[in-house]
N, C-alpha and C. Protein backbone atom coordinates (compact mmCIF):
# COMPACT_ATOMS: atom_id res chain seq x y z
N MET A 1 110.52 137.05 108.56
CA MET A 1 110.86 135.95 109.82
C MET A 1 111.68 136.93 110.30
N PRO A 2 111.67 137.28 111.73
CA PRO A 2 112.77 137.99 112.49
C PRO A 2 114.12 137.10 112.52
N PHE A 3 114.91 137.36 113.10
CA PHE A 3 116.37 136.75 113.30
C PHE A 3 116.08 135.43 113.32
N MET A 4 117.12 134.69 112.44
CA MET A 4 117.14 133.37 112.62
C MET A 4 118.79 132.99 113.05
N THR A 5 118.93 132.17 113.48
CA THR A 5 120.42 131.76 113.90
C THR A 5 120.88 130.92 112.76
N PRO A 6 122.21 131.12 112.07
CA PRO A 6 122.57 130.45 111.05
C PRO A 6 122.07 128.90 110.51
N MET A 7 122.08 128.02 111.80
CA MET A 7 121.56 126.74 111.56
C MET A 7 119.99 126.85 111.24
N ALA A 8 119.41 127.56 111.84
CA ALA A 8 117.85 127.69 111.77
C ALA A 8 117.81 128.10 110.35
N LEU A 9 118.41 128.97 109.83
CA LEU A 9 118.20 129.36 108.46
C LEU A 9 118.59 128.48 107.42
N MET A 10 119.75 127.67 107.44
CA MET A 10 120.26 126.76 106.89
C MET A 10 119.18 125.68 106.66
N ARG A 11 118.55 125.36 107.57
CA ARG A 11 117.11 124.46 107.93
C ARG A 11 116.09 124.72 107.21
N LYS A 12 115.73 126.19 107.13
CA LYS A 12 114.60 126.72 106.28
C LYS A 12 115.13 126.48 104.63
N ASN A 13 116.00 127.13 104.42
CA ASN A 13 116.23 126.73 103.16
C ASN A 13 116.24 125.52 102.18
N LEU A 14 116.76 124.66 103.16
CA LEU A 14 117.05 123.16 102.69
C LEU A 14 115.39 122.45 102.57
N ILE A 15 114.56 122.84 103.53
CA ILE A 15 113.35 122.35 103.52
C ILE A 15 112.68 122.79 102.51
N ILE A 16 112.81 123.98 101.98
CA ILE A 16 112.16 124.60 101.26
C ILE A 16 112.68 124.15 99.84
N LYS A 17 113.93 124.07 99.66
CA LYS A 17 114.44 123.59 98.10
C LYS A 17 113.95 122.20 98.46
N LYS A 18 113.98 121.04 99.10
CA LYS A 18 113.80 119.66 98.76
C LYS A 18 111.98 119.63 98.50
N LEU A 19 111.53 120.52 99.22
CA LEU A 19 109.85 120.58 98.96
C LEU A 19 109.75 120.98 97.48
N ARG A 20 110.37 121.91 96.81
CA ARG A 20 110.34 122.60 95.74
C ARG A 20 110.71 121.23 94.80
N ALA A 21 111.70 120.56 94.92
CA ALA A 21 112.47 119.85 94.13
C ALA A 21 111.75 118.46 93.90
N CYS A 22 111.02 118.07 95.02
CA CYS A 22 109.77 116.81 94.69
C CYS A 22 108.73 117.43 94.21
N GLY A 23 108.51 118.74 93.76
CA GLY A 23 107.13 118.90 93.16
C GLY A 23 106.15 119.17 94.13
N ALA A 24 106.42 119.54 95.65
CA ALA A 24 105.25 119.77 96.40
C ALA A 24 105.02 121.06 96.59
N VAL A 25 104.09 121.58 95.67
CA VAL A 25 103.80 122.80 95.55
C VAL A 25 102.44 123.19 95.47
N SER A 26 101.58 122.01 96.03
CA SER A 26 100.12 122.25 96.47
C SER A 26 99.91 121.43 97.26
N GLU A 27 98.52 121.55 97.63
CA GLU A 27 98.07 120.57 98.82
C GLU A 27 97.98 119.00 98.02
N GLU A 28 97.41 118.94 97.22
CA GLU A 28 97.40 117.48 96.17
C GLU A 28 98.99 117.07 96.14
N SER A 29 99.72 117.63 95.91
CA SER A 29 101.50 117.22 95.78
C SER A 29 101.84 117.21 96.98
N ALA A 30 101.48 117.79 98.15
CA ALA A 30 102.36 117.55 99.33
C ALA A 30 103.04 116.51 99.49
N LYS A 31 104.03 116.60 100.26
CA LYS A 31 104.62 115.25 100.48
C LYS A 31 105.49 115.82 102.36
N SER A 32 105.51 114.32 102.77
CA SER A 32 106.19 114.43 104.18
C SER A 32 107.47 114.88 103.98
N LEU A 33 108.24 115.61 105.18
CA LEU A 33 109.60 115.97 105.08
C LEU A 33 110.37 114.77 104.74
N ALA A 34 110.14 113.54 105.33
CA ALA A 34 110.96 112.24 104.92
C ALA A 34 110.84 112.22 103.42
N GLU A 35 109.56 112.25 102.72
CA GLU A 35 109.54 111.49 101.29
C GLU A 35 110.34 112.89 100.52
N ALA A 36 110.25 113.85 101.23
CA ALA A 36 111.13 115.21 100.45
C ALA A 36 112.53 114.93 100.67
N GLY A 37 112.94 114.30 101.30
CA GLY A 37 114.43 114.07 101.27
C GLY A 37 115.03 114.94 102.49
N VAL A 38 114.37 115.21 103.28
CA VAL A 38 114.86 116.19 104.37
C VAL A 38 115.22 115.09 105.46
N ILE A 39 116.63 115.38 105.70
CA ILE A 39 117.16 114.41 106.68
C ILE A 39 116.92 114.56 108.32
N ASN A 40 116.67 113.73 109.17
CA ASN A 40 116.27 113.73 110.21
C ASN A 40 115.03 115.21 110.38
N PRO A 41 113.99 114.56 109.93
CA PRO A 41 112.69 115.38 109.74
C PRO A 41 112.20 115.87 110.83
N ASP A 42 112.19 115.02 112.09
CA ASP A 42 111.43 115.37 113.29
C ASP A 42 112.68 116.14 114.46
N GLY A 43 113.77 116.27 113.59
CA GLY A 43 115.24 116.79 114.45
C GLY A 43 114.67 118.32 115.03
N PHE A 44 114.30 118.94 113.98
CA PHE A 44 113.82 120.57 113.96
C PHE A 44 112.59 121.05 113.96
N LYS A 45 111.59 120.12 114.77
CA LYS A 45 110.25 120.54 114.77
C LYS A 45 110.17 122.09 115.30
N ARG A 46 110.60 122.61 116.03
CA ARG A 46 110.44 124.50 116.24
C ARG A 46 110.54 124.97 114.93
N ILE A 47 111.55 124.75 114.03
CA ILE A 47 111.68 125.52 113.02
C ILE A 47 110.86 124.99 111.92
N THR A 48 110.39 124.09 111.93
CA THR A 48 109.34 123.52 111.02
C THR A 48 108.19 124.22 111.26
N ASP A 49 107.53 124.10 112.43
CA ASP A 49 106.57 124.97 112.79
C ASP A 49 106.32 126.31 113.02
N ARG A 50 107.71 127.09 112.80
CA ARG A 50 107.67 128.30 112.53
C ARG A 50 107.80 128.83 111.24
N LEU A 51 108.24 127.70 110.15
CA LEU A 51 107.85 127.89 108.86
C LEU A 51 106.36 128.10 108.25
N VAL A 52 105.52 127.20 109.05
CA VAL A 52 104.14 126.97 108.96
C VAL A 52 103.50 128.54 109.61
N GLU A 53 103.93 128.53 110.65
CA GLU A 53 103.27 129.97 111.29
C GLU A 53 103.62 131.11 110.63
N THR A 54 104.70 131.21 109.88
CA THR A 54 104.84 132.50 109.02
C THR A 54 104.59 132.38 107.65
N GLY A 55 103.83 131.04 106.99
CA GLY A 55 103.68 130.90 105.83
C GLY A 55 104.59 130.73 104.75
N SER A 56 105.68 130.21 105.38
CA SER A 56 107.00 129.86 104.27
C SER A 56 106.70 128.65 103.77
N ILE A 57 105.91 127.69 104.42
CA ILE A 57 105.53 126.46 103.71
C ILE A 57 104.47 126.42 104.59
N HIS A 58 103.27 125.22 103.88
CA HIS A 58 102.12 125.13 104.49
C HIS A 58 102.03 123.25 104.80
N ARG A 59 101.35 123.28 105.93
CA ARG A 59 101.20 121.91 106.34
C ARG A 59 99.82 121.42 106.06
N THR A 60 99.23 120.48 105.63
CA THR A 60 98.10 119.34 105.20
C THR A 60 97.55 119.12 106.49
N SER A 61 96.22 118.97 106.58
CA SER A 61 95.70 118.09 108.03
C SER A 61 96.43 116.47 108.15
N GLY A 62 96.72 116.25 107.16
CA GLY A 62 97.51 114.69 107.31
C GLY A 62 99.03 114.76 107.30
N GLY A 63 99.52 116.05 107.52
CA GLY A 63 101.01 116.14 108.23
C GLY A 63 101.96 116.44 107.21
N ARG A 64 101.49 116.70 105.94
CA ARG A 64 102.19 116.75 104.80
C ARG A 64 102.51 118.23 104.49
N TYR A 65 103.69 118.68 103.74
CA TYR A 65 103.92 119.98 103.46
C TYR A 65 104.11 120.61 102.00
N TYR A 66 104.12 121.56 101.79
CA TYR A 66 104.04 121.94 100.27
C TYR A 66 104.63 123.45 100.64
N VAL A 67 105.22 124.01 99.37
CA VAL A 67 105.57 125.63 99.48
C VAL A 67 104.47 126.37 98.72
């Protein structure tokens, strides 16, 4: 992933950490960001979309995420 601002990098790390901590490691165990405990899950939609585009996390057709 190219240069990220400190806020974006912190957000990326938080999302990945929360998804791992709640066991969202496959499509079957995927969780919404709110279920994973991400505060204000829709507040940084561009960052989340970028994580999906770069393969850092994956999005299911139902809008859930996993690492």
